[in-house]
Amino acid sequence: MTTPEITLIIPMYNENAIIADTAKTLHEYMSAHFESYEILFSDDGSKDGCGDTVRALDLDSVRVVGYPDNHGKGCAVRTAMLEAQGEVVMFTDADLAYGTEVIRRAYDMLMSSPEASMLIGSRNLSKDGYEGYTAIRKIMSKAYIKVLCIVGGFKLSDSQCGCKAYKQTAAKDIFARCKVDGFAFDFESIIWAQKLGYKIIEMPVKIINHRESTVRVFRDTVKMLRDLVRIRTGVARECRKMQAERTK
């Protein structure tokens, strides 16, 4: 079996209203911009039949993976990452918030950087990254990222951007160790990438398809902070075990 150039992962939960258009748009774009690819729609226990909607389209190189019960975006991304076959494995949101152009751009940037293994999209690297945001939403988003980065203990300009890509070896190595099912999975993957010595690069992106955020700032930030403490403790514990195994 030929290894696809890229696997594109779309985590989805109750996205039936938009998922057919997303699948058709991506199939057309990927066919035009890559010689070989696969698109994995990862169904996070949806109840609205969006998985069946994608299957019914019967598009080449498009398939649905997932599980019957809702666990969270992190679980959906991890499940697909461990099944992905592409040289580059990337995920983005079901509403294509960052457009389609970022897909080829991320692939080219990662593949042209031999030392890099992970790429993170960032809204903070260009002046138009937050274009179209209301002033209050922009302030809240930036403050949210800043607090989480401080507590997380690493320096990236936009750790929560829903657009990330990995070379396949790094994707398998990182996500085989990840355990977080919720939104904090982004931090967990970054922490593991850093602990395992993978170089991370960033790419400027901007949201072109604005949809009402499902993040509840106070409640979700508190939950994220709790998850971060658990992640850092868990990763540190696993790293100590790995070190102990190497010194035996």
C-alpha atoms as a PDB file:
ATOM      1  CA  MET A   1       0.000   0.000   0.000  1.00  0.00           C
ATOM      2  CA  THR A   2       1.374   3.412  -0.999  1.00  0.00           C
ATOM      3  CA  THR A   3       1.826   5.833   1.869  1.00  0.00           C
ATOM      4  CA  PRO A   4      -0.390   8.910   1.341  1.00  0.00           C
ATOM      5  CA  GLU A   5       1.351  12.262   1.307  1.00  0.00           C
ATOM      6  CA  ILE A   6      -1.012  13.516   3.979  1.00  0.00           C
ATOM      7  CA  THR A   7      -3.780  12.403   6.300  1.00  0.00           C
ATOM      8  CA  LEU A   8      -6.274  15.124   7.155  1.00  0.00           C
ATOM      9  CA  ILE A   9      -8.270  14.532  10.341  1.00  0.00           C
ATOM     10  CA  ILE A  10     -11.619  16.183  11.013  1.00  0.00           C
ATOM     11  CA  PRO A  11     -12.939  15.563  14.541  1.00  0.00           C
ATOM     12  CA  MET A  12     -16.709  15.884  14.609  1.00  0.00           C
ATOM     13  CA  TYR A  13     -19.498  15.861  17.146  1.00  0.00           C
ATOM     14  CA  ASN A  14     -23.089  16.450  15.995  1.00  0.00           C
ATOM     15  CA  GLU A  15     -22.000  18.326  12.863  1.00  0.00           C
ATOM     16  CA  ASN A  16     -24.656  16.982  10.493  1.00  0.00           C
ATOM     17  CA  ALA A  17     -25.758  20.475   9.460  1.00  0.00           C
ATOM     18  CA  ILE A  18     -22.407  21.218   7.819  1.00  0.00           C
ATOM     19  CA  ILE A  19     -20.528  17.943   7.418  1.00  0.00           C
ATOM     20  CA  ALA A  20     -21.628  17.024   3.885  1.00  0.00           C
ATOM     21  CA  ASP A  21     -20.456  20.387   2.542  1.00  0.00           C
ATOM     22  CA  THR A  22     -17.204  20.045   4.488  1.00  0.00           C
ATOM     23  CA  ALA A  23     -16.540  16.572   3.091  1.00  0.00           C
ATOM     24  CA  LYS A  24     -17.226  17.653  -0.502  1.00  0.00           C
ATOM     25  CA  THR A  25     -15.114  20.797  -0.157  1.00  0.00           C
ATOM     26  CA  LEU A  26     -12.184  18.870   1.301  1.00  0.00           C
ATOM     27  CA  HIS A  27     -12.418  16.069  -1.247  1.00  0.00           C
ATOM     28  CA  GLU A  28     -12.284  18.586  -4.081  1.00  0.00           C
ATOM     29  CA  TYR A  29      -9.424  20.548  -2.508  1.00  0.00           C
ATOM     30  CA  MET A  30      -7.295  17.517  -1.608  1.00  0.00           C
ATOM     31  CA  SER A  31      -7.774  15.957  -5.053  1.00  0.00           C
ATOM     32  CA  ALA A  32      -6.539  19.164  -6.668  1.00  0.00           C
ATOM     33  CA  HIS A  33      -3.542  19.732  -4.383  1.00  0.00           C
ATOM     34  CA  PHE A  34      -2.153  16.287  -3.510  1.00  0.00           C
ATOM     35  CA  GLU A  35      -1.284  13.205  -5.542  1.00  0.00           C
ATOM     36  CA  SER A  36      -2.260  10.954  -2.644  1.00  0.00           C
ATOM     37  CA  TYR A  37      -4.128  11.618   0.570  1.00  0.00           C
ATOM     38  CA  GLU A  38      -6.691  10.314   3.038  1.00  0.00           C
ATOM     39  CA  ILE A  39      -9.335  12.196   4.997  1.00  0.00           C
ATOM     40  CA  LEU A  40     -10.440  10.715   8.313  1.00  0.00           C
ATOM     41  CA  PHE A  41     -13.635  12.038   9.854  1.00  0.00           C
ATOM     42  CA  SER A  42     -13.366  11.050  13.513  1.00  0.00           C
ATOM     43  CA  ASP A  43     -16.834  10.724  15.039  1.00  0.00           C
ATOM     44  CA  ASP A  44     -16.856  11.584  18.737  1.00  0.00           C
ATOM     45  CA  GLY A  45     -20.049   9.659  19.542  1.00  0.00           C
ATOM     46  CA  SER A  46     -22.356  11.934  17.537  1.00  0.00           C
ATOM     47  CA  LYS A  47     -26.106  11.421  17.891  1.00  0.00           C
ATOM     48  CA  ASP A  48     -27.208  13.273  14.752  1.00  0.00           C
ATOM     49  CA  GLY A  49     -25.993  10.784  12.139  1.00  0.00           C
ATOM     50  CA  CYS A  50     -23.129  12.888  10.766  1.00  0.00           C
ATOM     51  CA  GLY A  51     -20.965   9.786  10.388  1.00  0.00           C
ATOM     52  CA  ASP A  52     -23.586   8.130   8.194  1.00  0.00           C
ATOM     53  CA  THR A  53     -23.887  11.342   6.188  1.00  0.00           C
ATOM     54  CA  VAL A  54     -20.180  11.216   5.315  1.00  0.00           C
ATOM     55  CA  ARG A  55     -20.305   7.496   4.515  1.00  0.00           C
ATOM     56  CA  ALA A  56     -23.295   7.978   2.203  1.00  0.00           C
ATOM     57  CA  LEU A  57     -21.270  10.388   0.054  1.00  0.00           C
ATOM     58  CA  ASP A  58     -18.954   7.475  -0.846  1.00  0.00           C
ATOM     59  CA  LEU A  59     -16.001   9.752  -1.626  1.00  0.00           C
ATOM     60  CA  ASP A  60     -12.636   8.284  -2.607  1.00  0.00           C
ATOM     61  CA  SER A  61      -9.966   8.371   0.118  1.00  0.00           C
ATOM     62  CA  VAL A  62     -12.531   9.507   2.702  1.00  0.00           C
ATOM     63  CA  ARG A  63     -13.542   7.345   5.642  1.00  0.00           C
ATOM     64  CA  VAL A  64     -15.125   7.614   9.061  1.00  0.00           C
ATOM     65  CA  VAL A  65     -13.527   6.357  12.272  1.00  0.00           C
ATOM     66  CA  GLY A  66     -14.747   6.788  15.819  1.00  0.00           C
ATOM     67  CA  TYR A  67     -16.755   5.202  18.620  1.00  0.00           C
ATOM     68  CA  PRO A  68     -20.378   5.190  19.864  1.00  0.00           C
ATOM     69  CA  ASP A  69     -20.131   7.346  23.014  1.00  0.00           C
ATOM     70  CA  ASN A  70     -19.013  10.971  23.356  1.00  0.00           C
ATOM     71  CA  HIS A  71     -15.601  11.378  25.003  1.00  0.00           C
ATOM     72  CA  GLY A  72     -14.247  14.708  23.746  1.00  0.00           C
ATOM     73  CA  LYS A  73     -12.236  16.278  20.937  1.00  0.00           C
ATOM     74  CA  GLY A  74      -8.960  14.941  22.312  1.00  0.00           C
ATOM     75  CA  CYS A  75     -10.193  11.372  22.068  1.00  0.00           C
ATOM     76  CA  ALA A  76     -11.456  11.950  18.532  1.00  0.00           C
ATOM     77  CA  VAL A  77      -8.140  13.387  17.373  1.00  0.00           C
ATOM     78  CA  ARG A  78      -6.091  10.704  19.146  1.00  0.00           C
ATOM     79  CA  THR A  79      -8.186   7.878  17.680  1.00  0.00           C
ATOM     80  CA  ALA A  80      -7.643   9.142  14.137  1.00  0.00           C
ATOM     81  CA  MET A  81      -3.961   9.968  14.707  1.00  0.00           C
ATOM     82  CA  LEU A  82      -3.253   6.370  15.643  1.00  0.00           C
ATOM     83  CA  GLU A  83      -4.986   5.138  12.460  1.00  0.00           C
ATOM     84  CA  ALA A  84      -3.485   7.720  10.099  1.00  0.00           C
ATOM     85  CA  GLN A  85      -1.133   6.536   7.355  1.00  0.00           C
ATOM     86  CA  GLY A  86       0.047   9.804   5.794  1.00  0.00           C
ATOM     87  CA  GLU A  87       3.611  11.124   5.813  1.00  0.00           C
ATOM     88  CA  VAL A  88       2.118  14.239   7.386  1.00  0.00           C
ATOM     89  CA  VAL A  89      -0.873  14.000   9.720  1.00  0.00           C
ATOM     90  CA  MET A  90      -2.914  17.154  10.249  1.00  0.00           C
ATOM     91  CA  PHE A  91      -6.146  18.055  11.987  1.00  0.00           C
ATOM     92  CA  THR A  92      -8.445  21.020  11.584  1.00  0.00           C
ATOM     93  CA  ASP A  93     -12.013  21.873  12.578  1.00  0.00           C
ATOM     94  CA  ALA A  94     -15.176  20.553  10.928  1.00  0.00           C
ATOM     95  CA  ASP A  95     -16.327  24.056   9.997  1.00  0.00           C
ATOM     96  CA  LEU A  96     -13.007  24.688   8.193  1.00  0.00           C
ATOM     97  CA  ALA A  97     -12.515  27.747  10.371  1.00  0.00           C
ATOM     98  CA  TYR A  98      -9.049  28.364   8.931  1.00  0.00           C
ATOM     99  CA  GLY A  99     -10.037  27.636   5.342  1.00  0.00           C
ATOM    100  CA  THR A 100      -8.532  25.007   3.056  1.00  0.00           C
ATOM    101  CA  GLU A 101      -5.453  26.898   1.875  1.00  0.00           C
ATOM    102  CA  VAL A 102      -3.745  26.236   5.214  1.00  0.00           C
ATOM    103  CA  ILE A 103      -3.616  22.497   4.455  1.00  0.00           C
ATOM    104  CA  ARG A 104      -1.136  22.654   1.583  1.00  0.00           C
ATOM    105  CA  ARG A 105       0.742  25.494   3.264  1.00  0.00           C
ATOM    106  CA  ALA A 106       1.181  23.487   6.476  1.00  0.00           C
ATOM    107  CA  TYR A 107       2.278  20.406   4.515  1.00  0.00           C
ATOM    108  CA  ASP A 108       4.866  22.342   2.506  1.00  0.00           C
ATOM    109  CA  MET A 109       6.208  24.184   5.548  1.00  0.00           C
ATOM    110  CA  LEU A 110       6.600  21.005   7.600  1.00  0.00           C
ATOM    111  CA  MET A 111       8.120  18.950   4.780  1.00  0.00           C
ATOM    112  CA  SER A 112      10.581  21.706   3.885  1.00  0.00           C
ATOM    113  CA  SER A 113      11.808  21.856   7.474  1.00  0.00           C
ATOM    114  CA  PRO A 114      13.800  18.622   8.021  1.00  0.00           C
ATOM    115  CA  GLU A 115      14.475  19.375  11.677  1.00  0.00           C
ATOM    116  CA  ALA A 116      10.801  20.020  12.541  1.00  0.00           C
ATOM    117  CA  SER A 117       8.305  17.332  13.513  1.00  0.00           C
ATOM    118  CA  MET A 118       5.266  19.359  14.599  1.00  0.00           C
ATOM    119  CA  LEU A 119       3.595  22.496  13.256  1.00  0.00           C
ATOM    120  CA  ILE A 120       1.147  24.712  15.125  1.00  0.00           C
ATOM    121  CA  GLY A 121      -1.090  27.285  13.480  1.00  0.00           C
ATOM    122  CA  SER A 122      -1.056  30.637  15.239  1.00  0.00           C
ATOM    123  CA  ARG A 123      -3.434  33.593  15.116  1.00  0.00           C
ATOM    124  CA  ASN A 124      -0.830  35.724  16.889  1.00  0.00           C
ATOM    125  CA  LEU A 125       1.855  35.752  14.188  1.00  0.00           C
ATOM    126  CA  SER A 126       0.170  38.171  11.796  1.00  0.00           C
ATOM    127  CA  LYS A 127      -1.845  41.356  12.136  1.00  0.00           C
ATOM    128  CA  ASP A 128      -4.950  39.832  10.570  1.00  0.00           C
ATOM    129  CA  GLY A 129      -4.938  36.664  12.676  1.00  0.00           C
ATOM    130  CA  TYR A 130      -7.917  37.865  14.717  1.00  0.00           C
ATOM    131  CA  GLU A 131      -9.621  39.681  11.856  1.00  0.00           C
ATOM    132  CA  GLY A 132     -13.395  39.544  12.245  1.00  0.00           C
ATOM    133  CA  TYR A 133     -13.306  38.927  15.991  1.00  0.00           C
ATOM    134  CA  THR A 134     -15.236  41.295  18.202  1.00  0.00           C
ATOM    135  CA  ALA A 135     -12.984  43.313  20.531  1.00  0.00           C
ATOM    136  CA  ILE A 136     -14.207  41.456  23.632  1.00  0.00           C
ATOM    137  CA  ARG A 137     -13.772  38.023  22.039  1.00  0.00           C
ATOM    138  CA  LYS A 138     -10.251  38.919  20.888  1.00  0.00           C
ATOM    139  CA  ILE A 139      -9.281  40.092  24.392  1.00  0.00           C
ATOM    140  CA  MET A 140     -10.809  37.017  26.013  1.00  0.00           C
ATOM    141  CA  SER A 141      -9.103  34.650  23.547  1.00  0.00           C
ATOM    142  CA  LYS A 142      -5.677  36.215  24.038  1.00  0.00           C
ATOM    143  CA  ALA A 143      -6.055  36.296  27.836  1.00  0.00           C
ATOM    144  CA  TYR A 144      -7.218  32.667  27.843  1.00  0.00           C
ATOM    145  CA  ILE A 145      -4.171  31.549  25.848  1.00  0.00           C
ATOM    146  CA  LYS A 146      -1.783  33.620  27.968  1.00  0.00           C
ATOM    147  CA  VAL A 147      -3.012  32.197  31.275  1.00  0.00           C
ATOM    148  CA  LEU A 148      -2.882  28.638  30.010  1.00  0.00           C
ATOM    149  CA  CYS A 149       0.596  29.064  28.537  1.00  0.00           C
ATOM    150  CA  ILE A 150       1.945  30.492  31.796  1.00  0.00           C
ATOM    151  CA  VAL A 151       0.508  27.633  33.814  1.00  0.00           C
ATOM    152  CA  GLY A 152       1.490  25.107  31.153  1.00  0.00           C
ATOM    153  CA  GLY A 153       5.107  26.181  31.399  1.00  0.00           C
ATOM    154  CA  PHE A 154       5.945  26.598  27.716  1.00  0.00           C
ATOM    155  CA  LYS A 155       6.234  29.458  25.257  1.00  0.00           C
ATOM    156  CA  LEU A 156       4.122  29.266  22.120  1.00  0.00           C
ATOM    157  CA  SER A 157       2.114  32.061  20.597  1.00  0.00           C
ATOM    158  CA  ASP A 158      -1.181  30.180  20.159  1.00  0.00           C
ATOM    159  CA  SER A 159      -1.310  26.748  21.716  1.00  0.00           C
ATOM    160  CA  GLN A 160      -5.082  26.424  21.304  1.00  0.00           C
ATOM    161  CA  CYS A 161      -5.327  26.920  17.543  1.00  0.00           C
ATOM    162  CA  GLY A 162      -7.361  24.085  16.051  1.00  0.00           C
ATOM    163  CA  CYS A 163      -4.909  23.583  13.209  1.00  0.00           C
ATOM    164  CA  LYS A 164      -1.866  21.387  13.853  1.00  0.00           C
ATOM    165  CA  ALA A 165       0.279  19.039  11.766  1.00  0.00           C
ATOM    166  CA  TYR A 166       2.834  16.332  12.570  1.00  0.00           C
ATOM    167  CA  LYS A 167       5.229  14.133  10.681  1.00  0.00           C
ATOM    168  CA  GLN A 168       3.940  10.577  10.968  1.00  0.00           C
ATOM    169  CA  THR A 169       6.635   9.199  13.284  1.00  0.00           C
ATOM    170  CA  ALA A 170       6.121  12.055  15.729  1.00  0.00           C
ATOM    171  CA  ALA A 171       2.325  11.760  15.535  1.00  0.00           C
ATOM    172  CA  LYS A 172       2.405   8.075  16.484  1.00  0.00           C
ATOM    173  CA  ASP A 173       5.024   8.586  19.199  1.00  0.00           C
ATOM    174  CA  ILE A 174       3.220  11.537  20.785  1.00  0.00           C
ATOM    175  CA  PHE A 175      -0.390  10.363  20.614  1.00  0.00           C
ATOM    176  CA  ALA A 176       0.394   6.828  21.763  1.00  0.00           C
ATOM    177  CA  ARG A 177       1.292   8.481  25.084  1.00  0.00           C
ATOM    178  CA  CYS A 178      -1.576  10.971  25.274  1.00  0.00           C
ATOM    179  CA  LYS A 179      -4.535  10.284  27.566  1.00  0.00           C
ATOM    180  CA  VAL A 180      -6.557  13.514  27.775  1.00  0.00           C
ATOM    181  CA  ASP A 181      -9.948  13.365  26.047  1.00  0.00           C
ATOM    182  CA  GLY A 182     -11.002  17.009  26.414  1.00  0.00           C
ATOM    183  CA  PHE A 183      -9.731  20.357  25.095  1.00  0.00           C
ATOM    184  CA  ALA A 184      -6.476  20.137  27.093  1.00  0.00           C
ATOM    185  CA  PHE A 185      -5.252  17.469  24.658  1.00  0.00           C
ATOM    186  CA  ASP A 186      -3.487  20.267  22.727  1.00  0.00           C
ATOM    187  CA  PHE A 187      -1.290  21.001  25.726  1.00  0.00           C
ATOM    188  CA  GLU A 188      -0.623  17.343  26.363  1.00  0.00           C
ATOM    189  CA  SER A 189       0.573  16.779  22.799  1.00  0.00           C
ATOM    190  CA  ILE A 190       2.820  19.853  22.957  1.00  0.00           C
ATOM    191  CA  ILE A 191       4.320  18.836  26.292  1.00  0.00           C
ATOM    192  CA  TRP A 192       5.021  15.337  25.022  1.00  0.00           C
ATOM    193  CA  ALA A 193       6.541  16.725  21.807  1.00  0.00           C
ATOM    194  CA  GLN A 194       8.891  18.860  23.874  1.00  0.00           C
ATOM    195  CA  LYS A 195       9.777  16.062  26.304  1.00  0.00           C
ATOM    196  CA  LEU A 196      10.518  13.696  23.416  1.00  0.00           C
ATOM    197  CA  GLY A 197      12.757  16.246  21.753  1.00  0.00           C
ATOM    198  CA  TYR A 198      10.636  17.063  18.717  1.00  0.00           C
ATOM    199  CA  LYS A 199      11.086  20.533  17.252  1.00  0.00           C
ATOM    200  CA  ILE A 200       7.883  22.581  16.954  1.00  0.00           C
ATOM    201  CA  ILE A 201       7.413  25.325  14.376  1.00  0.00           C
ATOM    202  CA  GLU A 202       4.552  27.818  14.043  1.00  0.00           C
ATOM    203  CA  MET A 203       2.659  29.072  11.007  1.00  0.00           C
ATOM    204  CA  PRO A 204       0.485  32.200  10.845  1.00  0.00           C
ATOM    205  CA  VAL A 205      -3.223  31.529  10.281  1.00  0.00           C
ATOM    206  CA  LYS A 206      -6.444  33.470  10.590  1.00  0.00           C
ATOM    207  CA  ILE A 207     -10.040  32.449  11.113  1.00  0.00           C
ATOM    208  CA  ILE A 208     -12.024  32.995   7.934  1.00  0.00           C
ATOM    209  CA  ASN A 209     -15.171  31.147   8.949  1.00  0.00           C
ATOM    210  CA  HIS A 210     -16.483  32.550  12.201  1.00  0.00           C
ATOM    211  CA  ARG A 211     -18.805  30.372  14.235  1.00  0.00           C
ATOM    212  CA  GLU A 212     -20.026  31.001  17.760  1.00  0.00           C
ATOM    213  CA  SER A 213     -17.495  29.620  20.203  1.00  0.00           C
ATOM    214  CA  THR A 214     -18.533  26.669  22.369  1.00  0.00           C
ATOM    215  CA  VAL A 215     -15.874  27.554  24.944  1.00  0.00           C
ATOM    216  CA  ARG A 216     -17.332  28.740  28.259  1.00  0.00           C
ATOM    217  CA  VAL A 217     -14.452  30.914  29.305  1.00  0.00           C
ATOM    218  CA  PHE A 218     -14.557  30.720  33.117  1.00  0.00           C
ATOM    219  CA  ARG A 219     -15.711  27.134  33.513  1.00  0.00           C
ATOM    220  CA  ASP A 220     -13.534  25.750  30.726  1.00  0.00           C
ATOM    221  CA  THR A 221     -10.469  27.706  31.857  1.00  0.00           C
ATOM    222  CA  VAL A 222     -10.785  26.328  35.397  1.00  0.00           C
ATOM    223  CA  LYS A 223     -11.184  22.800  34.014  1.00  0.00           C
ATOM    224  CA  MET A 224      -8.226  23.321  31.682  1.00  0.00           C
ATOM    225  CA  LEU A 225      -6.023  24.492  34.542  1.00  0.00           C
ATOM    226  CA  ARG A 226      -6.903  21.403  36.559  1.00  0.00           C
ATOM    227  CA  ASP A 227      -6.156  19.228  33.529  1.00  0.00           C
ATOM    228  CA  LEU A 228      -2.820  20.988  33.018  1.00  0.00           C
ATOM    229  CA  VAL A 229      -1.685  20.160  36.524  1.00  0.00           C
ATOM    230  CA  ARG A 230      -2.626  16.521  35.967  1.00  0.00           C
ATOM    231  CA  ILE A 231      -0.914  16.484  32.565  1.00  0.00           C
ATOM    232  CA  ARG A 232       2.353  17.932  33.828  1.00  0.00           C
ATOM    233  CA  THR A 233       2.363  15.530  36.774  1.00  0.00           C
ATOM    234  CA  GLY A 234       1.524  12.557  34.559  1.00  0.00           C
ATOM    235  CA  VAL A 235       4.079  13.383  31.864  1.00  0.00           C
ATOM    236  CA  ALA A 236       6.801  13.952  34.476  1.00  0.00           C
ATOM    237  CA  ARG A 237       5.996  10.571  36.048  1.00  0.00           C
ATOM    238  CA  GLU A 238       6.124   8.790  32.679  1.00  0.00           C
ATOM    239  CA  CYS A 239       9.412  10.500  31.809  1.00  0.00           C
ATOM    240  CA  ARG A 240      10.941   9.296  35.071  1.00  0.00           C
ATOM    241  CA  LYS A 241       9.850   5.758  34.215  1.00  0.00           C
ATOM    242  CA  MET A 242      11.386   6.055  30.750  1.00  0.00           C
ATOM    243  CA  GLN A 243      14.642   7.323  32.240  1.00  0.00           C
ATOM    244  CA  ALA A 244      14.704   4.506  34.755  1.00  0.00           C
ATOM    245  CA  GLU A 245      14.198   1.944  31.980  1.00  0.00           C
ATOM    246  CA  ARG A 246      17.067   3.411  29.971  1.00  0.00           C
ATOM    247  CA  THR A 247      19.448   3.269  32.928  1.00  0.00           C
ATOM    248  CA  LYS A 248      18.760  -0.389  33.770  1.00  0.00           C
END
